[in-house]
Amino acid sequence: MNLFANKALTGILTGIVVAFFVTFGGWAGLLWLLLFTVIGGVVGAQLDGRVDLASIIGNGTGRSSS
């Protein structure tokens, strides 16, 4: 199994690594870890085509997608 073929998993792992280097522990470190992990997972899922952020963000602006 190629772990780097799944961009969502790669994004999550990258988020964990970035959070680790941004801060080194404590409750703030846990919050940074969760934040960067979620961001990495969402970006990876977007790149995998599992989610469409343009339609999600577009629905929040009140514009019609027609």
PDB file of N, CA and C in Angstrom:
ATOM      1  N   MET A   1       0.846  -1.182   0.000  1.00  0.00           N
ATOM      2  CA  MET A   1       0.000   0.000   0.000  1.00  0.00           C
ATOM      3  C   MET A   1       0.890   1.243   0.000  1.00  0.00           C
ATOM      4  N   ASN A   2       0.661   2.110  -0.945  1.00  0.00           N
ATOM      5  CA  ASN A   2       1.423   3.346  -1.049  1.00  0.00           C
ATOM      6  C   ASN A   2       0.712   4.437  -0.242  1.00  0.00           C
ATOM      7  N   LEU A   3       1.299   4.831   0.880  1.00  0.00           N
ATOM      8  CA  LEU A   3       0.664   5.820   1.744  1.00  0.00           C
ATOM      9  C   LEU A   3       0.573   7.192   1.090  1.00  0.00           C
ATOM     10  N   PHE A   4       1.515   7.497   0.197  1.00  0.00           N
ATOM     11  CA  PHE A   4       1.518   8.814  -0.413  1.00  0.00           C
ATOM     12  C   PHE A   4       0.531   8.929  -1.569  1.00  0.00           C
ATOM     13  N   ALA A   5      -0.101   7.831  -1.970  1.00  0.00           N
ATOM     14  CA  ALA A   5      -1.121   7.892  -3.009  1.00  0.00           C
ATOM     15  C   ALA A   5      -2.412   8.474  -2.442  1.00  0.00           C
ATOM     16  N   ASN A   6      -2.638   8.303  -1.157  1.00  0.00           N
ATOM     17  CA  ASN A   6      -3.818   8.856  -0.496  1.00  0.00           C
ATOM     18  C   ASN A   6      -3.456  10.244   0.025  1.00  0.00           C
ATOM     19  N   LYS A   7      -3.880  11.260  -0.688  1.00  0.00           N
ATOM     20  CA  LYS A   7      -3.496  12.623  -0.351  1.00  0.00           C
ATOM     21  C   LYS A   7      -4.104  13.099   0.958  1.00  0.00           C
ATOM     22  N   ALA A   8      -5.275  12.576   1.324  1.00  0.00           N
ATOM     23  CA  ALA A   8      -5.877  12.960   2.600  1.00  0.00           C
ATOM     24  C   ALA A   8      -5.008  12.471   3.758  1.00  0.00           C
ATOM     25  N   LEU A   9      -4.547  11.234   3.688  1.00  0.00           N
ATOM     26  CA  LEU A   9      -3.675  10.690   4.730  1.00  0.00           C
ATOM     27  C   LEU A   9      -2.347  11.437   4.761  1.00  0.00           C
ATOM     28  N   THR A  10      -1.803  11.746   3.598  1.00  0.00           N
ATOM     29  CA  THR A  10      -0.562  12.510   3.534  1.00  0.00           C
ATOM     30  C   THR A  10      -0.753  13.895   4.144  1.00  0.00           C
ATOM     31  N   GLY A  11      -1.898  14.511   3.877  1.00  0.00           N
ATOM     32  CA  GLY A  11      -2.193  15.823   4.452  1.00  0.00           C
ATOM     33  C   GLY A  11      -2.301  15.775   5.963  1.00  0.00           C
ATOM     34  N   ILE A  12      -2.931  14.723   6.480  1.00  0.00           N
ATOM     35  CA  ILE A  12      -3.056  14.578   7.925  1.00  0.00           C
ATOM     36  C   ILE A  12      -1.684  14.382   8.562  1.00  0.00           C
ATOM     37  N   LEU A  13      -0.866  13.518   7.968  1.00  0.00           N
ATOM     38  CA  LEU A  13       0.472  13.283   8.507  1.00  0.00           C
ATOM     39  C   LEU A  13       1.332  14.540   8.438  1.00  0.00           C
ATOM     40  N   THR A  14       1.202  15.293   7.356  1.00  0.00           N
ATOM     41  CA  THR A  14       1.940  16.547   7.228  1.00  0.00           C
ATOM     42  C   THR A  14       1.478  17.542   8.288  1.00  0.00           C
ATOM     43  N   GLY A  15       0.188  17.589   8.528  1.00  0.00           N
ATOM     44  CA  GLY A  15      -0.340  18.470   9.568  1.00  0.00           C
ATOM     45  C   GLY A  15       0.199  18.123  10.944  1.00  0.00           C
ATOM     46  N   ILE A  16       0.331  16.836  11.230  1.00  0.00           N
ATOM     47  CA  ILE A  16       0.887  16.413  12.516  1.00  0.00           C
ATOM     48  C   ILE A  16       2.342  16.844  12.634  1.00  0.00           C
ATOM     49  N   VAL A  17       3.101  16.654  11.570  1.00  0.00           N
ATOM     50  CA  VAL A  17       4.516  17.031  11.598  1.00  0.00           C
ATOM     51  C   VAL A  17       4.672  18.538  11.761  1.00  0.00           C
ATOM     52  N   VAL A  18       3.881  19.315  11.027  1.00  0.00           N
ATOM     53  CA  VAL A  18       3.968  20.778  11.126  1.00  0.00           C
ATOM     54  C   VAL A  18       3.603  21.232  12.534  1.00  0.00           C
ATOM     55  N   ALA A  19       2.545  20.661  13.089  1.00  0.00           N
ATOM     56  CA  ALA A  19       2.132  21.035  14.442  1.00  0.00           C
ATOM     57  C   ALA A  19       3.221  20.694  15.454  1.00  0.00           C
ATOM     58  N   PHE A  20       3.902  19.583  15.256  1.00  0.00           N
ATOM     59  CA  PHE A  20       4.981  19.188  16.166  1.00  0.00           C
ATOM     60  C   PHE A  20       6.108  20.202  16.137  1.00  0.00           C
ATOM     61  N   PHE A  21       6.440  20.696  14.965  1.00  0.00           N
ATOM     62  CA  PHE A  21       7.530  21.655  14.860  1.00  0.00           C
ATOM     63  C   PHE A  21       7.115  23.066  15.243  1.00  0.00           C
ATOM     64  N   VAL A  22       5.822  23.376  15.199  1.00  0.00           N
ATOM     65  CA  VAL A  22       5.374  24.705  15.590  1.00  0.00           C
ATOM     66  C   VAL A  22       5.453  24.857  17.110  1.00  0.00           C
ATOM     67  N   THR A  23       5.077  23.825  17.819  1.00  0.00           N
ATOM     68  CA  THR A  23       5.071  23.906  19.274  1.00  0.00           C
ATOM     69  C   THR A  23       5.473  22.573  19.867  1.00  0.00           C
ATOM     70  N   PHE A  24       5.982  22.607  21.069  1.00  0.00           N
ATOM     71  CA  PHE A  24       6.509  21.393  21.680  1.00  0.00           C
ATOM     72  C   PHE A  24       5.767  21.037  22.966  1.00  0.00           C
ATOM     73  N   GLY A  25       4.491  20.863  22.899  1.00  0.00           N
ATOM     74  CA  GLY A  25       3.800  20.279  24.037  1.00  0.00           C
ATOM     75  C   GLY A  25       2.813  21.187  24.729  1.00  0.00           C
ATOM     76  N   GLY A  26       2.259  20.657  25.790  1.00  0.00           N
ATOM     77  CA  GLY A  26       1.252  21.368  26.574  1.00  0.00           C
ATOM     78  C   GLY A  26      -0.099  21.330  25.891  1.00  0.00           C
ATOM     79  N   TRP A  27      -1.059  21.986  26.532  1.00  0.00           N
ATOM     80  CA  TRP A  27      -2.411  22.017  25.961  1.00  0.00           C
ATOM     81  C   TRP A  27      -2.444  22.808  24.662  1.00  0.00           C
ATOM     82  N   ALA A  28      -1.629  23.853  24.592  1.00  0.00           N
ATOM     83  CA  ALA A  28      -1.566  24.624  23.344  1.00  0.00           C
ATOM     84  C   ALA A  28      -1.026  23.749  22.216  1.00  0.00           C
ATOM     85  N   GLY A  29      -0.064  22.900  22.534  1.00  0.00           N
ATOM     86  CA  GLY A  29       0.477  21.981  21.527  1.00  0.00           C
ATOM     87  C   GLY A  29      -0.576  21.017  21.019  1.00  0.00           C
ATOM     88  N   LEU A  30      -1.426  20.550  21.915  1.00  0.00           N
ATOM     89  CA  LEU A  30      -2.510  19.653  21.510  1.00  0.00           C
ATOM     90  C   LEU A  30      -3.486  20.366  20.580  1.00  0.00           C
ATOM     91  N   LEU A  31      -3.806  21.606  20.893  1.00  0.00           N
ATOM     92  CA  LEU A  31      -4.724  22.368  20.040  1.00  0.00           C
ATOM     93  C   LEU A  31      -4.111  22.637  18.670  1.00  0.00           C
ATOM     94  N   TRP A  32      -2.815  22.981  18.621  1.00  0.00           N
ATOM     95  CA  TRP A  32      -2.144  23.175  17.338  1.00  0.00           C
ATOM     96  C   TRP A  32      -2.146  21.871  16.543  1.00  0.00           C
ATOM     97  N   LEU A  33      -1.887  20.765  17.228  1.00  0.00           N
ATOM     98  CA  LEU A  33      -1.895  19.461  16.563  1.00  0.00           C
ATOM     99  C   LEU A  33      -3.247  19.195  15.924  1.00  0.00           C
ATOM    100  N   LEU A  34      -4.317  19.408  16.668  1.00  0.00           N
ATOM    101  CA  LEU A  34      -5.660  19.171  16.118  1.00  0.00           C
ATOM    102  C   LEU A  34      -5.966  20.110  14.958  1.00  0.00           C
ATOM    103  N   LEU A  35      -5.613  21.384  15.097  1.00  0.00           N
ATOM    104  CA  LEU A  35      -5.878  22.361  14.037  1.00  0.00           C
ATOM    105  C   LEU A  35      -5.166  22.002  12.739  1.00  0.00           C
ATOM    106  N   PHE A  36      -3.861  21.744  12.833  1.00  0.00           N
ATOM    107  CA  PHE A  36      -3.100  21.434  11.626  1.00  0.00           C
ATOM    108  C   PHE A  36      -3.485  20.080  11.034  1.00  0.00           C
ATOM    109  N   THR A  37      -3.890  19.138  11.885  1.00  0.00           N
ATOM    110  CA  THR A  37      -4.332  17.846  11.378  1.00  0.00           C
ATOM    111  C   THR A  37      -5.623  17.987  10.584  1.00  0.00           C
ATOM    112  N   VAL A  38      -6.560  18.770  11.094  1.00  0.00           N
ATOM    113  CA  VAL A  38      -7.823  18.986  10.378  1.00  0.00           C
ATOM    114  C   VAL A  38      -7.573  19.733   9.069  1.00  0.00           C
ATOM    115  N   ILE A  39      -6.752  20.763   9.112  1.00  0.00           N
ATOM    116  CA  ILE A  39      -6.444  21.514   7.889  1.00  0.00           C
ATOM    117  C   ILE A  39      -5.773  20.617   6.862  1.00  0.00           C
ATOM    118  N   GLY A  40      -4.809  19.829   7.299  1.00  0.00           N
ATOM    119  CA  GLY A  40      -4.125  18.918   6.384  1.00  0.00           C
ATOM    120  C   GLY A  40      -5.062  17.877   5.800  1.00  0.00           C
ATOM    121  N   GLY A  41      -5.972  17.361   6.622  1.00  0.00           N
ATOM    122  CA  GLY A  41      -6.938  16.373   6.136  1.00  0.00           C
ATOM    123  C   GLY A  41      -7.900  16.958   5.120  1.00  0.00           C
ATOM    124  N   VAL A  42      -8.356  18.183   5.368  1.00  0.00           N
ATOM    125  CA  VAL A  42      -9.291  18.822   4.435  1.00  0.00           C
ATOM    126  C   VAL A  42      -8.603  19.133   3.107  1.00  0.00           C
ATOM    127  N   VAL A  43      -7.386  19.650   3.171  1.00  0.00           N
ATOM    128  CA  VAL A  43      -6.652  19.947   1.934  1.00  0.00           C
ATOM    129  C   VAL A  43      -6.382  18.657   1.164  1.00  0.00           C
ATOM    130  N   GLY A  44      -5.977  17.615   1.876  1.00  0.00           N
ATOM    131  CA  GLY A  44      -5.733  16.333   1.217  1.00  0.00           C
ATOM    132  C   GLY A  44      -6.989  15.747   0.605  1.00  0.00           C
ATOM    133  N   ALA A  45      -8.117  15.856   1.310  1.00  0.00           N
ATOM    134  CA  ALA A  45      -9.374  15.355   0.767  1.00  0.00           C
ATOM    135  C   ALA A  45      -9.795  16.152  -0.460  1.00  0.00           C
ATOM    136  N   GLN A  46      -9.519  17.463  -0.461  1.00  0.00           N
ATOM    137  CA  GLN A  46      -9.800  18.286  -1.638  1.00  0.00           C
ATOM    138  C   GLN A  46      -8.968  17.809  -2.823  1.00  0.00           C
ATOM    139  N   LEU A  47      -7.684  17.548  -2.585  1.00  0.00           N
ATOM    140  CA  LEU A  47      -6.805  17.091  -3.663  1.00  0.00           C
ATOM    141  C   LEU A  47      -7.186  15.696  -4.151  1.00  0.00           C
ATOM    142  N   ASP A  48      -7.717  14.856  -3.252  1.00  0.00           N
ATOM    143  CA  ASP A  48      -8.182  13.525  -3.644  1.00  0.00           C
ATOM    144  C   ASP A  48      -9.501  13.580  -4.402  1.00  0.00           C
ATOM    145  N   GLY A  49     -10.224  14.683  -4.289  1.00  0.00           N
ATOM    146  CA  GLY A  49     -11.522  14.803  -4.938  1.00  0.00           C
ATOM    147  C   GLY A  49     -12.660  14.284  -4.080  1.00  0.00           C
ATOM    148  N   ARG A  50     -12.409  14.075  -2.799  1.00  0.00           N
ATOM    149  CA  ARG A  50     -13.450  13.572  -1.898  1.00  0.00           C
ATOM    150  C   ARG A  50     -14.410  14.664  -1.459  1.00  0.00           C
ATOM    151  N   VAL A  51     -13.924  15.901  -1.384  1.00  0.00           N
ATOM    152  CA  VAL A  51     -14.761  17.041  -1.041  1.00  0.00           C
ATOM    153  C   VAL A  51     -14.542  18.132  -2.076  1.00  0.00           C
ATOM    154  N   ASP A  52     -15.535  18.991  -2.230  1.00  0.00           N
ATOM    155  CA  ASP A  52     -15.434  20.124  -3.144  1.00  0.00           C
ATOM    156  C   ASP A  52     -15.577  21.400  -2.323  1.00  0.00           C
ATOM    157  N   LEU A  53     -14.445  21.967  -1.946  1.00  0.00           N
ATOM    158  CA  LEU A  53     -14.467  23.150  -1.092  1.00  0.00           C
ATOM    159  C   LEU A  53     -15.087  24.353  -1.796  1.00  0.00           C
ATOM    160  N   ALA A  54     -14.974  24.419  -3.109  1.00  0.00           N
ATOM    161  CA  ALA A  54     -15.554  25.547  -3.848  1.00  0.00           C
ATOM    162  C   ALA A  54     -17.069  25.575  -3.681  1.00  0.00           C
ATOM    163  N   SER A  55     -17.703  24.412  -3.715  1.00  0.00           N
ATOM    164  CA  SER A  55     -19.156  24.391  -3.556  1.00  0.00           C
ATOM    165  C   SER A  55     -19.554  24.667  -2.107  1.00  0.00           C
ATOM    166  N   ILE A  56     -18.743  24.224  -1.160  1.00  0.00           N
ATOM    167  CA  ILE A  56     -19.048  24.474   0.246  1.00  0.00           C
ATOM    168  C   ILE A  56     -18.886  25.958   0.563  1.00  0.00           C
ATOM    169  N   ILE A  57     -17.797  26.549   0.110  1.00  0.00           N
ATOM    170  CA  ILE A  57     -17.558  27.967   0.357  1.00  0.00           C
ATOM    171  C   ILE A  57     -18.547  28.810  -0.437  1.00  0.00           C
ATOM    172  N   GLY A  58     -18.852  28.386  -1.653  1.00  0.00           N
ATOM    173  CA  GLY A  58     -19.802  29.116  -2.490  1.00  0.00           C
ATOM    174  C   GLY A  58     -21.201  29.142  -1.902  1.00  0.00           C
ATOM    175  N   ASN A  59     -21.594  28.066  -1.217  1.00  0.00           N
ATOM    176  CA  ASN A  59     -22.921  28.035  -0.600  1.00  0.00           C
ATOM    177  C   ASN A  59     -23.016  28.993   0.572  1.00  0.00           C
ATOM    178  N   GLY A  60     -21.907  29.273   1.214  1.00  0.00           N
ATOM    179  CA  GLY A  60     -21.913  30.178   2.350  1.00  0.00           C
ATOM    180  C   GLY A  60     -21.969  31.634   1.962  1.00  0.00           C
ATOM    181  N   THR A  61     -21.708  31.970   0.717  1.00  0.00           N
ATOM    182  CA  THR A  61     -21.697  33.370   0.310  1.00  0.00           C
ATOM    183  C   THR A  61     -23.065  33.876  -0.123  1.00  0.00           C
ATOM    184  N   GLY A  62     -24.025  32.979  -0.298  1.00  0.00           N
ATOM    185  CA  GLY A  62     -25.352  33.393  -0.713  1.00  0.00           C
ATOM    186  C   GLY A  62     -25.519  33.545  -2.207  1.00  0.00           C
ATOM    187  N   ARG A  63     -24.515  33.183  -2.958  1.00  0.00           N
ATOM    188  CA  ARG A  63     -24.597  33.278  -4.416  1.00  0.00           C
ATOM    189  C   ARG A  63     -25.224  32.023  -4.989  1.00  0.00           C
ATOM    190  N   SER A  64     -25.820  32.178  -6.138  1.00  0.00           N
ATOM    191  CA  SER A  64     -26.387  31.033  -6.838  1.00  0.00           C
ATOM    192  C   SER A  64     -25.306  30.368  -7.670  1.00  0.00           C
ATOM    193  N   SER A  65     -25.360  29.030  -7.757  1.00  0.00           N
ATOM    194  CA  SER A  65     -24.336  28.311  -8.530  1.00  0.00           C
ATOM    195  C   SER A  65     -24.827  27.953  -9.927  1.00  0.00           C
ATOM    196  N   SER A  66     -25.827  28.667 -10.436  1.00  0.00           N
ATOM    197  CA  SER A  66     -26.371  28.346 -11.761  1.00  0.00           C
ATOM    198  C   SER A  66     -25.605  28.951 -12.884  1.00  0.00           C
TER     199      SER A  66
END
